[in-house]
Amino acid sequence: MNPWESISRLMLIGGVILLVLAGITYLLSRSGFSWRLPGDIFIQKGNFTFFFPVMTCIVLSIVLTLLLNIFFRR
């Protein structure tokens, strides 16, 4: 297989995955699902807003670590 074919296939699969994730995120946000967890930093002063999802990052990291360990365990 040509190396360009494998790179293009990988990019195509990555694009489809991102598109599916964007659609899921859009549908969940339209249904009223909140991505903010307790522990996320949210500062709003005047017309300045700062949001840093600390707990969301930690939970996402734990979930992805568990899933990847389950699927790629040898």
PDB file of N, CA and C in Angstrom:
ATOM      1  N   MET A   1       0.843  -1.177   0.000  1.00  0.00           N
ATOM      2  CA  MET A   1       0.000   0.000   0.000  1.00  0.00           C
ATOM      3  C   MET A   1       0.888   1.238   0.000  1.00  0.00           C
ATOM      4  N   ASN A   2       0.520   2.190  -0.788  1.00  0.00           N
ATOM      5  CA  ASN A   2       1.219   3.462  -0.881  1.00  0.00           C
ATOM      6  C   ASN A   2       1.102   4.195   0.464  1.00  0.00           C
ATOM      7  N   PRO A   3       2.206   4.809   0.951  1.00  0.00           N
ATOM      8  CA  PRO A   3       2.110   5.510   2.238  1.00  0.00           C
ATOM      9  C   PRO A   3       1.092   6.650   2.225  1.00  0.00           C
ATOM     10  N   TRP A   4       0.880   7.274   1.079  1.00  0.00           N
ATOM     11  CA  TRP A   4      -0.101   8.358   1.008  1.00  0.00           C
ATOM     12  C   TRP A   4      -1.518   7.833   1.180  1.00  0.00           C
ATOM     13  N   GLU A   5      -1.753   6.594   0.739  1.00  0.00           N
ATOM     14  CA  GLU A   5      -3.078   6.009   0.911  1.00  0.00           C
ATOM     15  C   GLU A   5      -3.390   5.781   2.383  1.00  0.00           C
ATOM     16  N   SER A   6      -2.406   5.314   3.127  1.00  0.00           N
ATOM     17  CA  SER A   6      -2.647   5.065   4.550  1.00  0.00           C
ATOM     18  C   SER A   6      -2.835   6.376   5.311  1.00  0.00           C
ATOM     19  N   ILE A   7      -2.081   7.410   4.938  1.00  0.00           N
ATOM     20  CA  ILE A   7      -2.235   8.714   5.588  1.00  0.00           C
ATOM     21  C   ILE A   7      -3.600   9.306   5.266  1.00  0.00           C
ATOM     22  N   SER A   8      -4.018   9.207   4.008  1.00  0.00           N
ATOM     23  CA  SER A   8      -5.317   9.766   3.635  1.00  0.00           C
ATOM     24  C   SER A   8      -6.454   8.990   4.295  1.00  0.00           C
ATOM     25  N   ARG A   9      -6.311   7.674   4.418  1.00  0.00           N
ATOM     26  CA  ARG A   9      -7.336   6.876   5.089  1.00  0.00           C
ATOM     27  C   ARG A   9      -7.421   7.251   6.565  1.00  0.00           C
ATOM     28  N   LEU A  10      -6.273   7.447   7.201  1.00  0.00           N
ATOM     29  CA  LEU A  10      -6.244   7.842   8.609  1.00  0.00           C
ATOM     30  C   LEU A  10      -6.890   9.211   8.807  1.00  0.00           C
ATOM     31  N   MET A  11      -6.593  10.159   7.913  1.00  0.00           N
ATOM     32  CA  MET A  11      -7.194  11.490   8.015  1.00  0.00           C
ATOM     33  C   MET A  11      -8.700  11.434   7.776  1.00  0.00           C
ATOM     34  N   LEU A  12      -9.142  10.596   6.860  1.00  0.00           N
ATOM     35  CA  LEU A  12     -10.569  10.458   6.588  1.00  0.00           C
ATOM     36  C   LEU A  12     -11.296   9.870   7.795  1.00  0.00           C
ATOM     37  N   ILE A  13     -10.730   8.848   8.396  1.00  0.00           N
ATOM     38  CA  ILE A  13     -11.339   8.244   9.586  1.00  0.00           C
ATOM     39  C   ILE A  13     -11.369   9.250  10.733  1.00  0.00           C
ATOM     40  N   GLY A  14     -10.285  10.004  10.916  1.00  0.00           N
ATOM     41  CA  GLY A  14     -10.252  11.030  11.959  1.00  0.00           C
ATOM     42  C   GLY A  14     -11.301  12.104  11.732  1.00  0.00           C
ATOM     43  N   GLY A  15     -11.491  12.505  10.484  1.00  0.00           N
ATOM     44  CA  GLY A  15     -12.506  13.506  10.163  1.00  0.00           C
ATOM     45  C   GLY A  15     -13.912  13.010  10.438  1.00  0.00           C
ATOM     46  N   VAL A  16     -14.175  11.761  10.108  1.00  0.00           N
ATOM     47  CA  VAL A  16     -15.499  11.188  10.368  1.00  0.00           C
ATOM     48  C   VAL A  16     -15.749  11.099  11.869  1.00  0.00           C
ATOM     49  N   ILE A  17     -14.734  10.698  12.632  1.00  0.00           N
ATOM     50  CA  ILE A  17     -14.874  10.623  14.090  1.00  0.00           C
ATOM     51  C   ILE A  17     -15.159  12.003  14.669  1.00  0.00           C
ATOM     52  N   LEU A  18     -14.430  13.023  14.212  1.00  0.00           N
ATOM     53  CA  LEU A  18     -14.672  14.383  14.695  1.00  0.00           C
ATOM     54  C   LEU A  18     -16.064  14.875  14.322  1.00  0.00           C
ATOM     55  N   LEU A  19     -16.524  14.539  13.144  1.00  0.00           N
ATOM     56  CA  LEU A  19     -17.864  14.931  12.711  1.00  0.00           C
ATOM     57  C   LEU A  19     -18.936  14.278  13.584  1.00  0.00           C
ATOM     58  N   VAL A  20     -18.760  13.008  13.896  1.00  0.00           N
ATOM     59  CA  VAL A  20     -19.716  12.312  14.763  1.00  0.00           C
ATOM     60  C   VAL A  20     -19.706  12.914  16.165  1.00  0.00           C
ATOM     61  N   LEU A  21     -18.518  13.192  16.706  1.00  0.00           N
ATOM     62  CA  LEU A  21     -18.423  13.800  18.033  1.00  0.00           C
ATOM     63  C   LEU A  21     -19.060  15.187  18.060  1.00  0.00           C
ATOM     64  N   ALA A  22     -18.873  15.960  17.004  1.00  0.00           N
ATOM     65  CA  ALA A  22     -19.491  17.287  16.930  1.00  0.00           C
ATOM     66  C   ALA A  22     -21.009  17.174  16.888  1.00  0.00           C
ATOM     67  N   GLY A  23     -21.527  16.217  16.150  1.00  0.00           N
ATOM     68  CA  GLY A  23     -22.971  16.013  16.097  1.00  0.00           C
ATOM     69  C   GLY A  23     -23.544  15.600  17.438  1.00  0.00           C
ATOM     70  N   ILE A  24     -22.843  14.700  18.133  1.00  0.00           N
ATOM     71  CA  ILE A  24     -23.299  14.278  19.459  1.00  0.00           C
ATOM     72  C   ILE A  24     -23.280  15.455  20.421  1.00  0.00           C
ATOM     73  N   THR A  25     -22.211  16.244  20.383  1.00  0.00           N
ATOM     74  CA  THR A  25     -22.110  17.415  21.252  1.00  0.00           C
ATOM     75  C   THR A  25     -23.231  18.406  20.963  1.00  0.00           C
ATOM     76  N   TYR A  26     -23.513  18.634  19.703  1.00  0.00           N
ATOM     77  CA  TYR A  26     -24.583  19.554  19.321  1.00  0.00           C
ATOM     78  C   TYR A  26     -25.937  19.064  19.828  1.00  0.00           C
ATOM     79  N   LEU A  27     -26.222  17.787  19.622  1.00  0.00           N
ATOM     80  CA  LEU A  27     -27.511  17.254  20.055  1.00  0.00           C
ATOM     81  C   LEU A  27     -27.649  17.264  21.572  1.00  0.00           C
ATOM     82  N   LEU A  28     -26.576  16.950  22.291  1.00  0.00           N
ATOM     83  CA  LEU A  28     -26.645  16.971  23.752  1.00  0.00           C
ATOM     84  C   LEU A  28     -26.824  18.389  24.283  1.00  0.00           C
ATOM     85  N   SER A  29     -26.175  19.368  23.659  1.00  0.00           N
ATOM     86  CA  SER A  29     -26.324  20.748  24.127  1.00  0.00           C
ATOM     87  C   SER A  29     -27.721  21.285  23.825  1.00  0.00           C
ATOM     88  N   ARG A  30     -28.328  20.840  22.735  1.00  0.00           N
ATOM     89  CA  ARG A  30     -29.688  21.274  22.403  1.00  0.00           C
ATOM     90  C   ARG A  30     -30.725  20.645  23.331  1.00  0.00           C
ATOM     91  N   SER A  31     -30.392  19.497  23.912  1.00  0.00           N
ATOM     92  CA  SER A  31     -31.340  18.818  24.797  1.00  0.00           C
ATOM     93  C   SER A  31     -31.242  19.309  26.235  1.00  0.00           C
ATOM     94  N   GLY A  32     -30.360  20.251  26.512  1.00  0.00           N
ATOM     95  CA  GLY A  32     -30.242  20.809  27.852  1.00  0.00           C
ATOM     96  C   GLY A  32     -29.144  20.181  28.685  1.00  0.00           C
ATOM     97  N   PHE A  33     -28.367  19.274  28.110  1.00  0.00           N
ATOM     98  CA  PHE A  33     -27.272  18.636  28.849  1.00  0.00           C
ATOM     99  C   PHE A  33     -26.177  19.660  29.105  1.00  0.00           C
ATOM    100  N   SER A  34     -25.720  19.747  30.342  1.00  0.00           N
ATOM    101  CA  SER A  34     -24.678  20.707  30.709  1.00  0.00           C
ATOM    102  C   SER A  34     -23.337  19.994  30.815  1.00  0.00           C
ATOM    103  N   TRP A  35     -22.309  20.552  30.194  1.00  0.00           N
ATOM    104  CA  TRP A  35     -20.969  19.972  30.249  1.00  0.00           C
ATOM    105  C   TRP A  35     -20.212  20.431  31.481  1.00  0.00           C
ATOM    106  N   ARG A  36     -20.776  21.344  32.250  1.00  0.00           N
ATOM    107  CA  ARG A  36     -20.078  21.875  33.420  1.00  0.00           C
ATOM    108  C   ARG A  36     -20.234  20.943  34.608  1.00  0.00           C
ATOM    109  N   LEU A  37     -19.120  20.550  35.171  1.00  0.00           N
ATOM    110  CA  LEU A  37     -19.112  19.718  36.367  1.00  0.00           C
ATOM    111  C   LEU A  37     -18.679  20.558  37.557  1.00  0.00           C
ATOM    112  N   PRO A  38     -19.042  20.143  38.773  1.00  0.00           N
ATOM    113  CA  PRO A  38     -18.516  20.841  39.946  1.00  0.00           C
ATOM    114  C   PRO A  38     -16.992  20.720  39.962  1.00  0.00           C
ATOM    115  N   GLY A  39     -16.314  21.807  40.159  1.00  0.00           N
ATOM    116  CA  GLY A  39     -14.857  21.815  40.118  1.00  0.00           C
ATOM    117  C   GLY A  39     -14.305  22.513  38.889  1.00  0.00           C
ATOM    118  N   ASP A  40     -15.156  22.759  37.891  1.00  0.00           N
ATOM    119  CA  ASP A  40     -14.733  23.531  36.725  1.00  0.00           C
ATOM    120  C   ASP A  40     -14.630  25.001  37.114  1.00  0.00           C
ATOM    121  N   ILE A  41     -13.645  25.669  36.571  1.00  0.00           N
ATOM    122  CA  ILE A  41     -13.420  27.079  36.901  1.00  0.00           C
ATOM    123  C   ILE A  41     -14.182  27.941  35.899  1.00  0.00           C
ATOM    124  N   PHE A  42     -15.064  28.794  36.407  1.00  0.00           N
ATOM    125  CA  PHE A  42     -15.855  29.693  35.566  1.00  0.00           C
ATOM    126  C   PHE A  42     -15.835  31.074  36.203  1.00  0.00           C
ATOM    127  N   ILE A  43     -15.212  32.034  35.511  1.00  0.00           N
ATOM    128  CA  ILE A  43     -15.113  33.405  36.010  1.00  0.00           C
ATOM    129  C   ILE A  43     -15.753  34.319  34.977  1.00  0.00           C
ATOM    130  N   GLN A  44     -16.692  35.155  35.436  1.00  0.00           N
ATOM    131  CA  GLN A  44     -17.342  36.103  34.536  1.00  0.00           C
ATOM    132  C   GLN A  44     -17.367  37.464  35.211  1.00  0.00           C
ATOM    133  N   LYS A  45     -16.685  38.426  34.581  1.00  0.00           N
ATOM    134  CA  LYS A  45     -16.647  39.800  35.090  1.00  0.00           C
ATOM    135  C   LYS A  45     -16.863  40.746  33.919  1.00  0.00           C
ATOM    136  N   GLY A  46     -17.958  41.469  33.958  1.00  0.00           N
ATOM    137  CA  GLY A  46     -18.252  42.402  32.870  1.00  0.00           C
ATOM    138  C   GLY A  46     -18.449  41.656  31.562  1.00  0.00           C
ATOM    139  N   ASN A  47     -17.675  42.055  30.550  1.00  0.00           N
ATOM    140  CA  ASN A  47     -17.769  41.376  29.261  1.00  0.00           C
ATOM    141  C   ASN A  47     -16.638  40.359  29.078  1.00  0.00           C
ATOM    142  N   PHE A  48     -15.985  39.953  30.168  1.00  0.00           N
ATOM    143  CA  PHE A  48     -14.910  38.966  30.133  1.00  0.00           C
ATOM    144  C   PHE A  48     -15.407  37.663  30.752  1.00  0.00           C
ATOM    145  N   THR A  49     -15.227  36.565  30.047  1.00  0.00           N
ATOM    146  CA  THR A  49     -15.612  35.250  30.556  1.00  0.00           C
ATOM    147  C   THR A  49     -14.438  34.300  30.400  1.00  0.00           C
ATOM    148  N   PHE A  50     -14.109  33.588  31.490  1.00  0.00           N
ATOM    149  CA  PHE A  50     -13.037  32.596  31.476  1.00  0.00           C
ATOM    150  C   PHE A  50     -13.609  31.284  31.987  1.00  0.00           C
ATOM    151  N   PHE A  51     -13.432  30.220  31.217  1.00  0.00           N
ATOM    152  CA  PHE A  51     -13.925  28.902  31.608  1.00  0.00           C
ATOM    153  C   PHE A  51     -12.816  27.893  31.403  1.00  0.00           C
ATOM    154  N   PHE A  52     -12.438  27.191  32.473  1.00  0.00           N
ATOM    155  CA  PHE A  52     -11.437  26.134  32.382  1.00  0.00           C
ATOM    156  C   PHE A  52     -12.013  24.876  33.021  1.00  0.00           C
ATOM    157  N   PRO A  53     -12.297  23.852  32.218  1.00  0.00           N
ATOM    158  CA  PRO A  53     -12.978  22.656  32.722  1.00  0.00           C
ATOM    159  C   PRO A  53     -12.023  21.662  33.390  1.00  0.00           C
ATOM    160  N   VAL A  54     -11.609  21.944  34.612  1.00  0.00           N
ATOM    161  CA  VAL A  54     -10.645  21.100  35.319  1.00  0.00           C
ATOM    162  C   VAL A  54     -11.224  19.704  35.552  1.00  0.00           C
ATOM    163  N   MET A  55     -12.374  19.624  36.193  1.00  0.00           N
ATOM    164  CA  MET A  55     -12.965  18.316  36.512  1.00  0.00           C
ATOM    165  C   MET A  55     -13.402  17.572  35.257  1.00  0.00           C
ATOM    166  N   THR A  56     -13.868  18.295  34.256  1.00  0.00           N
ATOM    167  CA  THR A  56     -14.249  17.649  33.008  1.00  0.00           C
ATOM    168  C   THR A  56     -13.037  16.992  32.364  1.00  0.00           C
ATOM    169  N   CYS A  57     -11.891  17.664  32.396  1.00  0.00           N
ATOM    170  CA  CYS A  57     -10.660  17.093  31.843  1.00  0.00           C
ATOM    171  C   CYS A  57     -10.222  15.857  32.622  1.00  0.00           C
ATOM    172  N   ILE A  58     -10.337  15.901  33.942  1.00  0.00           N
ATOM    173  CA  ILE A  58      -9.939  14.760  34.766  1.00  0.00           C
ATOM    174  C   ILE A  58     -10.850  13.562  34.504  1.00  0.00           C
ATOM    175  N   VAL A  59     -12.161  13.796  34.469  1.00  0.00           N
ATOM    176  CA  VAL A  59     -13.109  12.705  34.211  1.00  0.00           C
ATOM    177  C   VAL A  59     -12.898  12.131  32.818  1.00  0.00           C
ATOM    178  N   LEU A  60     -12.719  12.984  31.826  1.00  0.00           N
ATOM    179  CA  LEU A  60     -12.486  12.533  30.462  1.00  0.00           C
ATOM    180  C   LEU A  60     -11.200  11.726  30.361  1.00  0.00           C
ATOM    181  N   SER A  61     -10.156  12.154  31.057  1.00  0.00           N
ATOM    182  CA  SER A  61      -8.890  11.432  31.063  1.00  0.00           C
ATOM    183  C   SER A  61      -9.042  10.043  31.674  1.00  0.00           C
ATOM    184  N   ILE A  62      -9.766   9.947  32.771  1.00  0.00           N
ATOM    185  CA  ILE A  62      -9.971   8.645  33.417  1.00  0.00           C
ATOM    186  C   ILE A  62     -10.777   7.714  32.517  1.00  0.00           C
ATOM    187  N   VAL A  63     -11.845   8.231  31.926  1.00  0.00           N
ATOM    188  CA  VAL A  63     -12.691   7.405  31.058  1.00  0.00           C
ATOM    189  C   VAL A  63     -11.909   6.924  29.839  1.00  0.00           C
ATOM    190  N   LEU A  64     -11.165   7.820  29.188  1.00  0.00           N
ATOM    191  CA  LEU A  64     -10.389   7.418  28.015  1.00  0.00           C
ATOM    192  C   LEU A  64      -9.288   6.431  28.377  1.00  0.00           C
ATOM    193  N   THR A  65      -8.643   6.615  29.527  1.00  0.00           N
ATOM    194  CA  THR A  65      -7.612   5.678  29.968  1.00  0.00           C
ATOM    195  C   THR A  65      -8.200   4.290  30.179  1.00  0.00           C
ATOM    196  N   LEU A  66      -9.345   4.218  30.833  1.00  0.00           N
ATOM    197  CA  LEU A  66      -9.985   2.921  31.047  1.00  0.00           C
ATOM    198  C   LEU A  66     -10.397   2.268  29.730  1.00  0.00           C
ATOM    199  N   LEU A  67     -11.003   3.036  28.834  1.00  0.00           N
ATOM    200  CA  LEU A  67     -11.432   2.481  27.550  1.00  0.00           C
ATOM    201  C   LEU A  67     -10.256   1.997  26.713  1.00  0.00           C
ATOM    202  N   LEU A  68      -9.202   2.796  26.647  1.00  0.00           N
ATOM    203  CA  LEU A  68      -8.042   2.396  25.853  1.00  0.00           C
ATOM    204  C   LEU A  68      -7.340   1.189  26.457  1.00  0.00           C
ATOM    205  N   ASN A  69      -7.293   1.095  27.784  1.00  0.00           N
ATOM    206  CA  ASN A  69      -6.701  -0.084  28.415  1.00  0.00           C
ATOM    207  C   ASN A  69      -7.527  -1.338  28.150  1.00  0.00           C
ATOM    208  N   ILE A  70      -8.836  -1.200  28.103  1.00  0.00           N
ATOM    209  CA  ILE A  70      -9.689  -2.357  27.822  1.00  0.00           C
ATOM    210  C   ILE A  70      -9.525  -2.809  26.376  1.00  0.00           C
ATOM    211  N   PHE A  71      -9.535  -1.865  25.438  1.00  0.00           N
ATOM    212  CA  PHE A  71      -9.497  -2.225  24.024  1.00  0.00           C
ATOM    213  C   PHE A  71      -8.116  -2.629  23.520  1.00  0.00           C
ATOM    214  N   PHE A  72      -7.055  -2.065  24.079  1.00  0.00           N
ATOM    215  CA  PHE A  72      -5.718  -2.341  23.562  1.00  0.00           C
ATOM    216  C   PHE A  72      -4.879  -3.207  24.484  1.00  0.00           C
ATOM    217  N   ARG A  73      -5.505  -3.888  25.423  1.00  0.00           N
ATOM    218  CA  ARG A  73      -4.778  -4.784  26.317  1.00  0.00           C
ATOM    219  C   ARG A  73      -4.346  -6.013  25.523  1.00  0.00           C
ATOM    220  N   ARG A  74      -3.116  -6.421  25.708  1.00  0.00           N
ATOM    221  CA  ARG A  74      -2.594  -7.572  24.954  1.00  0.00           C
ATOM    222  C   ARG A  74      -2.352  -8.737  25.846  1.00  0.00           C
TER     223      ARG A  74
END
